[in-house]
Amino acid sequence: MAQTFAAVEVPEWCGVFDAEQFEAFREEVDDACDCFGAGGQNLESGFVELVSGAYSDGYEFRLEQLAKRCAEAPREDWEGICFGQIDAWSMAEAQSEWLEQASFEQVRDLLRIHLFDGSPRSEADESEEPDESEEWFRLPLADGLWIGLVVADAPSSDEDEPEIDTQVHNAAVQAWGVEPEQLVEAALANLRREEETPAWGEVSVELSDEDDEPVATITVLTVENAPWALLLDEIEPELAERGVVLAVPAQDAVLVAEVPEPGMLDLVVTAVSAVARDHVDAAEIGYDIGDSTYWYQNGEFSRFEESESDDDQHDGEAGPVG
């Protein structure tokens, strides 16, 4: 049911409406925003704030052009127009369209690695084949862990819209005409150039046996930037050569732990997974990836299964680092 607003004067930015029309417009916009958990905003300000982009950050979207579109359309069409626009803003559709029109040179220095769980861009109707060109670009690292790409501060063709960190979809990659591995390497080059090699944080975790008796204390190393997981062989080559238990629970967390003794592998996996769950629980929406643990060695990831032991620690799907 539409929300009823107190009568107000029509603001200057919305001169296409009289007071009654503006009231109706506000109701339609608020109802649309409410579908995305953003209802009840002060629409007299001339903008709505919505989460959008690769990291579900908040952005302000101006309403003037939407008001003009509604003013030019029959009243019965306003509901669909407003919902469609709010949906497009929340999905950064205009920024995605800009990516398809841009050249690789325009986006090269803006490319960022985006590790994620491989979830689709949108849920396709079961009766229809998904449009692969519109799906997120992704390369597999291991079961449940994928490489994606983000273009930082992507603009749109509409000057009124904000610049948004926008996840790259397949149609954009096809338009750029560049091999996926080259795109990933360009993003990693940006990471190396723009950020100093990270300092490790440390979390001490006690390992316990089946009887809940302590058997050892390990140090879980942490880095506050998920893409550095792809460069572990560069920043900690000795660790990468020996092999470690690793987790990437969120965009701002990489967890790494050595196995003190071969027989303690399962205990280390359990401990790292518990620390990873805490990071997932604390992560903001859009920043979490998952609490799965992986064996990482010499640039390759493989996911641990619950039954995995020291002898089969390399089971599971593995993919190129890029």
Protein backbone atom coordinates (compact mmCIF):
# COMPACT_ATOMS: atom_id res chain seq x y z
CA MET A 1 0.00 0.00 0.00
CA ALA A 2 1.32 3.47 -0.89
CA GLN A 3 2.58 5.59 1.98
CA THR A 4 0.68 8.83 2.60
CA PHE A 5 2.82 11.94 2.95
CA ALA A 6 1.96 15.25 4.52
CA ALA A 7 1.32 17.94 1.91
CA VAL A 8 4.39 20.01 1.09
CA GLU A 9 5.32 22.60 -1.46
CA VAL A 10 6.76 21.35 -4.72
CA PRO A 11 10.56 21.86 -4.62
CA GLU A 12 12.26 23.83 -7.38
CA TRP A 13 13.97 20.75 -8.88
CA CYS A 14 10.54 19.19 -9.54
CA GLY A 15 8.76 22.00 -11.37
CA VAL A 16 7.19 19.55 -13.86
CA PHE A 17 4.57 18.62 -11.24
CA ASP A 18 1.86 20.43 -9.35
CA ALA A 19 1.44 19.62 -5.64
CA GLU A 20 -0.94 16.69 -6.22
CA GLN A 21 1.27 15.14 -8.89
CA PHE A 22 4.36 15.56 -6.77
CA GLU A 23 2.61 13.80 -3.89
CA ALA A 24 1.78 10.87 -6.18
CA PHE A 25 5.31 10.80 -7.57
CA ARG A 26 6.81 10.69 -4.07
CA GLU A 27 4.54 7.80 -3.14
CA GLU A 28 5.58 5.78 -6.20
CA VAL A 29 9.29 6.42 -5.62
CA ASP A 30 9.02 5.56 -1.94
CA ASP A 31 7.13 2.34 -2.70
CA ALA A 32 9.82 1.39 -5.22
CA CYS A 33 12.60 2.19 -2.77
CA ASP A 34 10.83 0.16 -0.10
CA CYS A 35 11.15 -2.93 -2.33
CA PHE A 36 14.91 -2.52 -1.94
CA GLY A 37 14.89 -1.81 1.78
CA ALA A 38 15.32 1.94 1.30
CA GLY A 39 11.85 3.39 1.87
CA GLY A 40 10.94 6.37 4.04
CA GLN A 41 13.54 8.80 2.70
CA ASN A 42 13.21 12.58 2.49
CA LEU A 43 12.44 12.83 -1.23
CA GLU A 44 12.02 16.61 -1.13
CA SER A 45 15.81 16.73 -1.16
CA GLY A 46 15.82 15.71 -4.81
CA PHE A 47 17.70 12.44 -4.46
CA VAL A 48 17.44 8.95 -3.02
CA GLU A 49 20.23 7.02 -1.36
CA LEU A 50 20.62 3.40 -2.45
CA VAL A 51 23.21 0.68 -2.11
CA SER A 52 24.77 -0.15 -5.45
CA GLY A 53 27.92 -1.40 -7.10
CA ALA A 54 30.35 -4.20 -6.42
CA TYR A 55 30.58 -3.59 -2.67
CA SER A 56 26.98 -2.56 -1.94
CA ASP A 57 28.05 0.94 -0.95
CA GLY A 58 25.60 3.83 -0.53
CA TYR A 59 25.24 6.38 -3.35
CA GLU A 60 22.95 9.36 -3.98
CA PHE A 61 20.82 9.31 -7.14
CA ARG A 62 19.11 12.50 -8.31
CA LEU A 63 15.38 12.32 -9.04
CA GLU A 64 14.94 15.17 -11.52
CA GLN A 65 15.19 13.08 -14.69
CA LEU A 66 12.95 10.37 -13.25
CA ALA A 67 10.33 13.02 -12.46
CA LYS A 68 10.46 14.29 -16.07
CA ARG A 69 10.00 10.74 -17.40
CA CYS A 70 6.94 10.27 -15.22
CA ALA A 71 5.52 13.68 -16.17
CA GLU A 72 5.68 12.66 -19.83
CA ALA A 73 3.99 9.29 -19.21
CA PRO A 74 0.42 8.27 -18.28
CA ARG A 75 -0.20 8.12 -14.54
CA GLU A 76 -0.80 4.36 -14.67
CA ASP A 77 2.78 3.85 -15.92
CA TRP A 78 4.48 5.61 -13.04
CA GLU A 79 4.72 2.54 -10.82
CA GLY A 80 6.62 0.56 -13.45
CA ILE A 81 8.83 3.51 -14.41
CA CYS A 82 9.83 4.21 -10.81
CA PHE A 83 10.46 0.58 -9.92
CA GLY A 84 12.49 0.05 -13.10
CA GLN A 85 14.67 3.08 -12.39
CA ILE A 86 15.30 2.17 -8.74
CA ASP A 87 16.18 -1.36 -9.84
CA ALA A 88 18.56 -0.01 -12.52
CA TRP A 89 20.25 2.28 -10.00
CA SER A 90 20.69 -0.54 -7.49
CA MET A 91 22.28 -2.72 -10.19
CA ALA A 92 24.52 0.09 -11.55
CA GLU A 93 23.10 -0.59 -15.00
CA ALA A 94 24.16 2.73 -16.52
CA GLN A 95 27.72 2.18 -15.32
CA SER A 96 27.69 -1.35 -16.76
CA GLU A 97 26.56 0.08 -20.09
CA TRP A 98 29.43 2.57 -19.96
CA LEU A 99 31.86 -0.33 -19.50
CA GLU A 100 30.64 -1.87 -22.76
CA GLN A 101 31.22 1.41 -24.59
CA ALA A 102 34.64 2.11 -23.07
CA SER A 103 37.97 0.94 -24.49
CA PHE A 104 40.42 -1.23 -22.60
CA GLU A 105 42.78 1.74 -22.34
CA GLN A 106 40.06 3.70 -20.54
CA VAL A 107 39.59 1.02 -17.91
CA ARG A 108 43.09 -0.51 -17.61
CA ASP A 109 44.23 1.63 -14.66
CA LEU A 110 40.82 1.35 -12.98
CA LEU A 111 40.69 -2.46 -12.88
CA ARG A 112 40.60 -4.06 -9.45
CA ILE A 113 40.50 -7.72 -8.42
CA HIS A 114 37.19 -8.77 -6.86
CA LEU A 115 37.22 -12.17 -5.18
CA PHE A 116 33.75 -13.60 -4.68
CA ASP A 117 31.73 -16.79 -4.34
CA GLY A 118 30.71 -16.95 -8.00
CA SER A 119 27.09 -15.98 -7.38
CA PRO A 120 25.22 -14.87 -10.54
CA ARG A 121 24.44 -11.27 -11.39
CA SER A 122 20.72 -11.99 -11.30
CA GLU A 123 18.45 -14.96 -10.81
CA ALA A 124 17.26 -16.11 -14.24
CA ASP A 125 13.73 -17.34 -14.79
CA GLU A 126 13.76 -21.15 -14.71
CA SER A 127 12.00 -21.24 -18.08
CA GLU A 128 14.73 -19.17 -19.75
CA GLU A 129 18.40 -19.69 -20.43
CA PRO A 130 20.56 -17.17 -18.56
CA ASP A 131 22.10 -14.41 -20.66
CA GLU A 132 25.79 -15.23 -20.26
CA SER A 133 26.84 -11.90 -21.75
CA GLU A 134 25.20 -10.15 -18.79
CA GLU A 135 26.69 -12.44 -16.14
CA TRP A 136 29.66 -11.38 -14.04
CA PHE A 137 33.08 -12.07 -15.50
CA ARG A 138 34.72 -14.78 -13.42
CA LEU A 139 37.62 -17.22 -13.41
CA PRO A 140 37.68 -20.19 -11.01
CA LEU A 141 40.28 -20.48 -8.28
CA ALA A 142 38.65 -23.38 -6.43
CA ASP A 143 35.19 -24.61 -5.49
CA GLY A 144 33.43 -21.58 -3.99
CA LEU A 145 36.15 -19.04 -4.79
CA TRP A 146 36.31 -17.04 -8.01
CA ILE A 147 38.19 -14.12 -9.50
CA GLY A 148 36.02 -11.25 -10.66
CA LEU A 149 36.92 -7.72 -11.71
CA VAL A 150 35.74 -4.28 -10.66
CA VAL A 151 36.21 -0.97 -12.44
CA ALA A 152 36.73 1.66 -9.75
CA ASP A 153 34.57 4.80 -9.95
CA ALA A 154 32.95 3.83 -13.24
CA PRO A 155 30.98 6.76 -14.73
CA SER A 156 27.78 6.56 -16.72
CA SER A 157 26.42 8.32 -19.77
CA ASP A 158 24.07 10.22 -17.46
CA GLU A 159 25.97 13.13 -15.93
CA ASP A 160 23.56 13.20 -12.99
CA GLU A 161 24.55 9.72 -11.83
CA PRO A 162 27.41 9.04 -9.40
CA GLU A 163 30.63 7.21 -10.23
CA ILE A 164 30.27 3.70 -8.86
CA ASP A 165 32.66 0.80 -8.25
CA THR A 166 31.13 -1.51 -10.84
CA GLN A 167 31.64 -5.23 -11.24
CA VAL A 168 32.68 -6.26 -14.75
CA HIS A 169 30.32 -8.44 -16.78
CA ASN A 170 31.07 -10.65 -19.77
CA ALA A 171 29.68 -8.23 -22.37
CA ALA A 172 32.22 -5.60 -21.29
CA VAL A 173 35.10 -8.08 -21.53
CA GLN A 174 33.94 -9.08 -25.01
CA ALA A 175 33.79 -5.42 -26.05
CA TRP A 176 37.34 -4.78 -24.85
CA GLY A 177 38.69 -7.69 -26.89
CA VAL A 178 41.32 -8.62 -24.29
CA GLU A 179 42.05 -12.12 -22.99
CA PRO A 180 40.74 -12.74 -19.45
CA GLU A 181 44.20 -13.57 -18.10
CA GLN A 182 45.51 -10.23 -19.39
CA LEU A 183 42.72 -8.40 -17.58
CA VAL A 184 43.52 -10.15 -14.33
CA GLU A 185 47.22 -9.38 -14.70
CA ALA A 186 46.42 -5.72 -15.37
CA ALA A 187 44.35 -5.61 -12.16
CA LEU A 188 47.13 -7.30 -10.19
CA ALA A 189 49.63 -4.79 -11.61
CA ASN A 190 47.40 -2.00 -10.31
CA LEU A 191 47.35 -3.67 -6.89
CA ARG A 192 51.13 -3.93 -6.81
CA ARG A 193 51.55 -0.34 -7.92
CA GLU A 194 48.96 1.38 -5.77
CA GLU A 195 49.31 -0.46 -2.47
CA GLU A 196 52.35 -1.27 -0.41
CA THR A 197 53.05 -4.89 0.41
CA PRO A 198 50.70 -5.52 3.34
CA ALA A 199 51.80 -5.97 6.90
CA TRP A 200 50.62 -9.18 8.54
CA GLY A 201 48.32 -9.13 11.51
CA GLU A 202 48.36 -12.07 13.90
CA VAL A 203 45.64 -14.01 15.70
CA SER A 204 46.62 -16.73 18.18
CA VAL A 205 44.33 -19.76 18.06
CA GLU A 206 44.45 -22.77 20.36
CA LEU A 207 44.08 -26.21 18.76
CA SER A 208 42.17 -28.82 20.74
CA ASP A 209 41.77 -32.56 20.23
CA GLU A 210 38.55 -34.60 20.20
CA ASP A 211 38.45 -34.49 24.00
CA ASP A 212 38.74 -30.70 23.90
CA GLU A 213 42.23 -30.89 25.30
CA PRO A 214 44.66 -28.20 24.05
CA VAL A 215 47.42 -29.64 21.88
CA ALA A 216 49.05 -26.58 20.33
CA THR A 217 48.68 -22.87 19.67
CA ILE A 218 49.01 -21.61 16.11
CA THR A 219 49.26 -18.14 14.64
CA VAL A 220 46.74 -17.21 11.96
CA LEU A 221 48.22 -14.47 9.80
CA THR A 222 45.80 -11.86 8.44
CA VAL A 223 45.92 -9.36 5.59
CA GLU A 224 43.19 -6.72 5.25
CA ASN A 225 42.72 -6.92 1.48
CA ALA A 226 41.35 -10.05 -0.22
CA PRO A 227 43.17 -9.70 -3.60
CA TRP A 228 46.53 -10.17 -1.87
CA ALA A 229 45.58 -13.85 -1.63
CA LEU A 230 46.55 -14.07 -5.31
CA LEU A 231 50.03 -12.72 -4.60
CA LEU A 232 50.95 -14.83 -1.59
CA ASP A 233 53.75 -16.50 -3.57
CA GLU A 234 55.24 -13.02 -4.05
CA ILE A 235 54.80 -11.54 -0.59
CA GLU A 236 55.56 -14.76 1.36
CA PRO A 237 57.35 -17.09 -1.08
CA GLU A 238 58.56 -19.51 1.59
CA LEU A 239 55.05 -19.98 2.97
CA ALA A 240 53.64 -20.44 -0.53
CA GLU A 241 56.23 -23.08 -1.35
CA ARG A 242 55.59 -25.10 1.82
CA GLY A 243 51.82 -24.76 1.54
CA VAL A 244 49.33 -23.24 3.97
CA VAL A 245 45.71 -23.39 5.04
CA LEU A 246 44.04 -20.25 3.69
CA ALA A 247 40.63 -18.57 3.82
CA VAL A 248 39.19 -15.48 2.14
CA PRO A 249 36.09 -14.75 4.22
CA ALA A 250 35.55 -11.14 3.12
CA GLN A 251 36.87 -8.47 0.78
CA ASP A 252 38.96 -7.10 3.63
CA ALA A 253 40.37 -10.37 4.97
CA VAL A 254 42.85 -13.08 4.01
CA LEU A 255 43.69 -15.71 6.63
CA VAL A 256 46.80 -17.89 6.41
CA ALA A 257 48.04 -20.59 8.79
CA GLU A 258 50.88 -23.10 8.65
CA VAL A 259 50.40 -26.69 9.80
CA PRO A 260 52.81 -27.35 12.72
CA GLU A 261 52.79 -31.11 12.18
CA PRO A 262 51.22 -33.26 9.42
CA GLY A 263 48.82 -34.88 11.86
CA MET A 264 47.39 -31.49 12.87
CA LEU A 265 46.05 -30.57 9.44
CA ASP A 266 42.40 -31.23 10.31
CA LEU A 267 42.72 -29.21 13.52
CA VAL A 268 44.22 -26.25 11.63
CA VAL A 269 41.48 -26.40 8.99
CA THR A 270 38.83 -26.35 11.74
CA ALA A 271 40.53 -23.44 13.52
CA VAL A 272 40.95 -21.30 10.38
CA SER A 273 37.35 -21.99 9.38
CA ALA A 274 36.15 -20.77 12.79
CA VAL A 275 38.14 -17.53 12.46
CA ALA A 276 36.77 -17.14 8.93
CA ARG A 277 33.18 -17.52 10.16
CA ASP A 278 33.74 -14.70 12.62
CA HIS A 279 34.91 -12.46 9.75
CA VAL A 280 31.90 -13.42 7.60
CA ASP A 281 29.51 -12.69 10.47
CA ALA A 282 31.09 -9.26 10.96
CA ALA A 283 31.30 -8.34 7.26
CA GLU A 284 28.94 -5.84 5.71
CA ILE A 285 26.54 -7.03 3.04
CA GLY A 286 28.41 -7.23 -0.23
CA TYR A 287 31.79 -7.66 1.44
CA ASP A 288 31.48 -11.27 2.63
CA ILE A 289 32.78 -14.16 0.50
CA GLY A 290 32.57 -17.32 2.63
CA ASP A 291 34.10 -19.33 5.45
CA SER A 292 35.50 -22.15 3.30
CA THR A 293 39.14 -23.12 3.80
CA TYR A 294 41.64 -23.94 1.07
CA TRP A 295 45.06 -25.48 0.66
CA TYR A 296 47.31 -22.95 -1.06
CA GLN A 297 50.65 -23.92 -2.54
CA ASN A 298 52.70 -22.34 -5.32
CA GLY A 299 49.85 -20.24 -6.66
CA GLU A 300 47.12 -22.92 -6.64
CA PHE A 301 44.04 -23.22 -4.47
CA SER A 302 42.08 -26.37 -3.60
CA ARG A 303 39.14 -26.47 -1.24
CA PHE A 304 39.09 -28.64 1.86
CA GLU A 305 36.20 -31.03 2.33
CA GLU A 306 35.12 -32.10 5.80
CA SER A 307 36.53 -35.58 5.26
CA GLU A 308 39.79 -34.33 3.77
CA SER A 309 42.94 -35.68 5.41
CA ASP A 310 46.65 -35.15 5.16
CA ASP A 311 46.87 -37.66 2.31
CA ASP A 312 44.21 -36.10 0.09
CA GLN A 313 44.66 -32.41 0.94
CA HIS A 314 44.95 -31.52 -2.76
CA ASP A 315 41.51 -32.90 -3.69
CA GLY A 316 38.90 -30.45 -4.93
CA GLU A 317 38.69 -28.10 -7.86
CA ALA A 318 41.66 -25.89 -8.59
CA GLY A 319 41.97 -23.10 -11.09
CA PRO A 320 44.57 -20.74 -12.50
CA VAL A 321 45.58 -17.74 -10.41
CA GLY A 322 45.86 -15.62 -13.52
